[in-house]
Amino acid sequence: MLLNGNGMSTTNDNCLSFGVLKAGLISIQRYPEVVPVQRQTKQMQAIRDAFVHAGRPLSIDELHDLAAKDITSLGQRTVYRAVRKLEDAGDIVSVPVPGSADRYELASAASTHHHHFHCTGCDRYFDIHGCPGGLNKLVPEGFQLEHHDLTLSGLCASCA
């Protein structure tokens, strides 16, 4: 609990303010909850920019390499912490990769149905917009399709 200059005390726990009025009455006021504002560092901005400019799912290493072009002193631990913060904030989502570390993409890209292409030459992932559809006919009789993920593999234009 904090005491301010006019005899009012405040607590951050419940965002309440208490004050003693004349005749021993207590005044209680409720303030909207204070949400801490995340400081926008140069490192965080470089990481955000890397996602925007890449326009595809990125591994931690790819993200580090792209963001380090702007911030040469950027450490990999900083990238991991930033990814965790961005994921917790809902700005990015993970793209599970079987047998490998997850990739990450902007939540705005993930909000629309799409699939991925994995280049086996450079190990990069790319978004594929669109869906072949008609997958229900592949499902065994009596089964019900609820969701699907498709990852095509091959060589990207740079590796082909």
Protein backbone atom coordinates (compact mmCIF):
# COMPACT_ATOMS: atom_id res chain seq x y z
CA MET A 1 0.00 0.00 0.00
CA LEU A 2 1.32 3.45 -0.91
CA LEU A 3 0.60 6.75 0.83
CA ASN A 4 0.36 9.84 -1.34
CA GLY A 5 0.70 13.51 -0.39
CA ASN A 6 -2.97 14.14 0.50
CA GLY A 7 -3.37 11.32 2.99
CA MET A 8 -4.84 8.93 0.42
CA SER A 9 -3.46 5.43 0.27
CA THR A 10 -3.51 3.25 -2.80
CA THR A 11 -2.90 -0.36 -3.51
CA ASN A 12 -1.97 -1.83 -6.85
CA ASP A 13 -3.42 -5.23 -5.95
CA ASN A 14 -7.06 -4.30 -6.39
CA CYS A 15 -6.70 -0.86 -7.96
CA LEU A 16 -8.56 0.72 -5.05
CA SER A 17 -7.96 4.05 -3.38
CA PHE A 18 -8.85 4.57 0.25
CA GLY A 19 -9.14 7.90 2.06
CA VAL A 20 -10.27 8.95 5.50
CA LEU A 21 -12.90 11.69 5.45
CA LYS A 22 -14.07 13.93 8.33
CA ALA A 23 -16.20 12.21 10.98
CA GLY A 24 -14.28 8.95 10.55
CA LEU A 25 -15.95 7.90 7.29
CA ILE A 26 -13.87 6.03 4.72
CA SER A 27 -14.10 6.79 1.04
CA ILE A 28 -13.34 3.98 -1.41
CA GLN A 29 -12.90 4.60 -5.13
CA ARG A 30 -12.29 1.96 -7.77
CA TYR A 31 -9.93 2.79 -10.60
CA PRO A 32 -9.58 0.80 -13.81
CA GLU A 33 -6.90 -1.83 -13.61
CA VAL A 34 -3.56 -0.52 -14.72
CA VAL A 35 -2.00 -2.64 -17.44
CA PRO A 36 1.76 -2.23 -17.68
CA VAL A 37 2.84 -0.89 -21.05
CA GLN A 38 5.50 -2.99 -22.71
CA ARG A 39 8.52 -0.87 -23.52
CA GLN A 40 9.31 -1.02 -27.24
CA THR A 41 13.05 -1.65 -27.43
CA LYS A 42 15.18 -1.50 -30.56
CA GLN A 43 15.69 -5.24 -30.28
CA MET A 44 11.95 -5.95 -30.10
CA GLN A 45 11.30 -3.64 -33.04
CA ALA A 46 13.99 -5.40 -35.12
CA ILE A 47 12.39 -8.77 -34.32
CA ARG A 48 8.91 -7.52 -35.23
CA ASP A 49 10.30 -6.06 -38.48
CA ALA A 50 11.94 -9.39 -39.32
CA PHE A 51 8.56 -11.15 -39.11
CA VAL A 52 6.87 -8.52 -41.26
CA HIS A 53 9.56 -8.40 -43.93
CA ALA A 54 10.07 -12.18 -44.14
CA GLY A 55 6.37 -12.83 -44.68
CA ARG A 56 6.80 -16.51 -43.83
CA PRO A 57 7.27 -18.75 -40.78
CA LEU A 58 10.68 -18.29 -39.19
CA SER A 59 12.85 -20.43 -36.94
CA ILE A 60 14.59 -18.84 -33.98
CA ASP A 61 17.89 -18.95 -35.90
CA GLU A 62 16.35 -17.32 -38.99
CA LEU A 63 14.72 -14.69 -36.83
CA HIS A 64 18.01 -13.98 -35.07
CA ASP A 65 19.91 -13.70 -38.37
CA LEU A 66 17.34 -11.31 -39.88
CA ALA A 67 16.99 -9.09 -36.79
CA ALA A 68 20.77 -9.02 -36.22
CA LYS A 69 21.16 -7.19 -39.52
CA ASP A 70 19.62 -4.17 -37.74
CA ILE A 71 20.98 -4.83 -34.24
CA THR A 72 24.39 -6.50 -34.56
CA SER A 73 24.70 -7.05 -30.79
CA LEU A 74 21.38 -8.97 -30.65
CA GLY A 75 21.75 -12.15 -28.62
CA GLN A 76 19.87 -15.37 -29.22
CA ARG A 77 18.51 -15.34 -25.64
CA THR A 78 16.95 -11.96 -26.38
CA VAL A 79 15.26 -13.47 -29.43
CA TYR A 80 13.87 -16.36 -27.35
CA ARG A 81 12.52 -13.92 -24.73
CA ALA A 82 11.01 -11.68 -27.40
CA VAL A 83 9.33 -14.63 -29.12
CA ARG A 84 7.85 -15.73 -25.80
CA LYS A 85 6.52 -12.20 -25.15
CA LEU A 86 5.10 -11.87 -28.66
CA GLU A 87 3.48 -15.29 -28.41
CA ASP A 88 2.00 -14.48 -24.98
CA ALA A 89 0.65 -11.20 -26.38
CA GLY A 90 -0.97 -13.05 -29.29
CA ASP A 91 1.12 -11.26 -31.93
CA ILE A 92 2.71 -14.46 -33.25
CA VAL A 93 1.82 -18.16 -33.20
CA SER A 94 3.93 -21.26 -33.36
CA VAL A 95 3.96 -23.47 -36.43
CA PRO A 96 4.67 -27.03 -35.26
CA VAL A 97 7.29 -28.81 -37.36
CA PRO A 98 7.49 -32.59 -36.86
CA GLY A 99 10.99 -33.67 -35.89
CA SER A 100 12.33 -30.11 -35.67
CA ALA A 101 11.98 -26.89 -33.68
CA ASP A 102 8.78 -24.91 -34.17
CA ARG A 103 8.69 -21.98 -36.54
CA TYR A 104 6.78 -18.80 -35.74
CA GLU A 105 4.57 -16.59 -37.90
CA LEU A 106 2.49 -13.48 -37.44
CA ALA A 107 -0.91 -14.17 -35.92
CA SER A 108 -2.46 -12.14 -38.71
CA ALA A 109 -1.12 -14.66 -41.24
CA ALA A 110 -2.24 -17.60 -39.13
CA SER A 111 -5.76 -16.20 -38.80
CA THR A 112 -6.60 -17.32 -42.35
CA HIS A 113 -6.63 -20.95 -43.41
CA HIS A 114 -3.40 -21.80 -45.18
CA HIS A 115 -0.75 -24.50 -45.47
CA HIS A 116 3.02 -24.60 -45.67
CA PHE A 117 5.77 -25.59 -48.08
CA HIS A 118 9.02 -26.92 -46.62
CA CYS A 119 12.13 -26.51 -48.74
CA THR A 120 14.30 -29.56 -48.16
CA GLY A 121 17.30 -27.72 -49.60
CA CYS A 122 17.48 -24.70 -47.28
CA ASP A 123 15.05 -25.90 -44.55
CA ARG A 124 12.88 -22.78 -44.88
CA TYR A 125 9.08 -22.81 -44.60
CA PHE A 126 6.75 -20.78 -46.80
CA ASP A 127 3.02 -20.04 -46.58
CA ILE A 128 0.76 -21.56 -49.22
CA HIS A 129 -2.50 -19.68 -49.54
CA GLY A 130 -5.36 -21.86 -50.53
CA CYS A 131 -6.44 -25.39 -49.86
CA PRO A 132 -7.01 -28.35 -52.16
CA GLY A 133 -10.32 -29.14 -50.44
CA GLY A 134 -12.21 -32.37 -50.94
CA LEU A 135 -10.26 -34.11 -48.20
CA ASN A 136 -13.38 -35.76 -46.77
CA LYS A 137 -13.26 -38.32 -49.56
CA LEU A 138 -9.85 -39.48 -48.23
CA VAL A 139 -11.21 -40.17 -44.74
CA PRO A 140 -12.07 -43.82 -44.01
CA GLU A 141 -15.74 -44.70 -43.88
CA GLY A 142 -17.29 -43.91 -40.52
CA PHE A 143 -14.59 -41.37 -39.65
CA GLN A 144 -15.21 -37.64 -39.33
CA LEU A 145 -12.63 -35.08 -40.44
CA GLU A 146 -12.32 -32.18 -37.99
CA HIS A 147 -9.06 -30.49 -38.98
CA HIS A 148 -6.13 -30.84 -41.34
CA ASP A 149 -2.59 -29.52 -41.75
CA LEU A 150 -0.75 -29.92 -45.01
CA THR A 151 2.95 -29.39 -45.48
CA LEU A 152 4.29 -29.85 -48.97
CA SER A 153 8.00 -30.60 -49.35
CA GLY A 154 10.42 -29.95 -52.16
CA LEU A 155 12.79 -27.23 -53.33
CA CYS A 156 12.02 -23.51 -53.20
CA ALA A 157 12.75 -21.26 -56.16
CA SER A 158 16.18 -20.34 -54.74
CA CYS A 159 17.22 -23.99 -54.31
CA ALA A 160 15.63 -25.49 -57.43
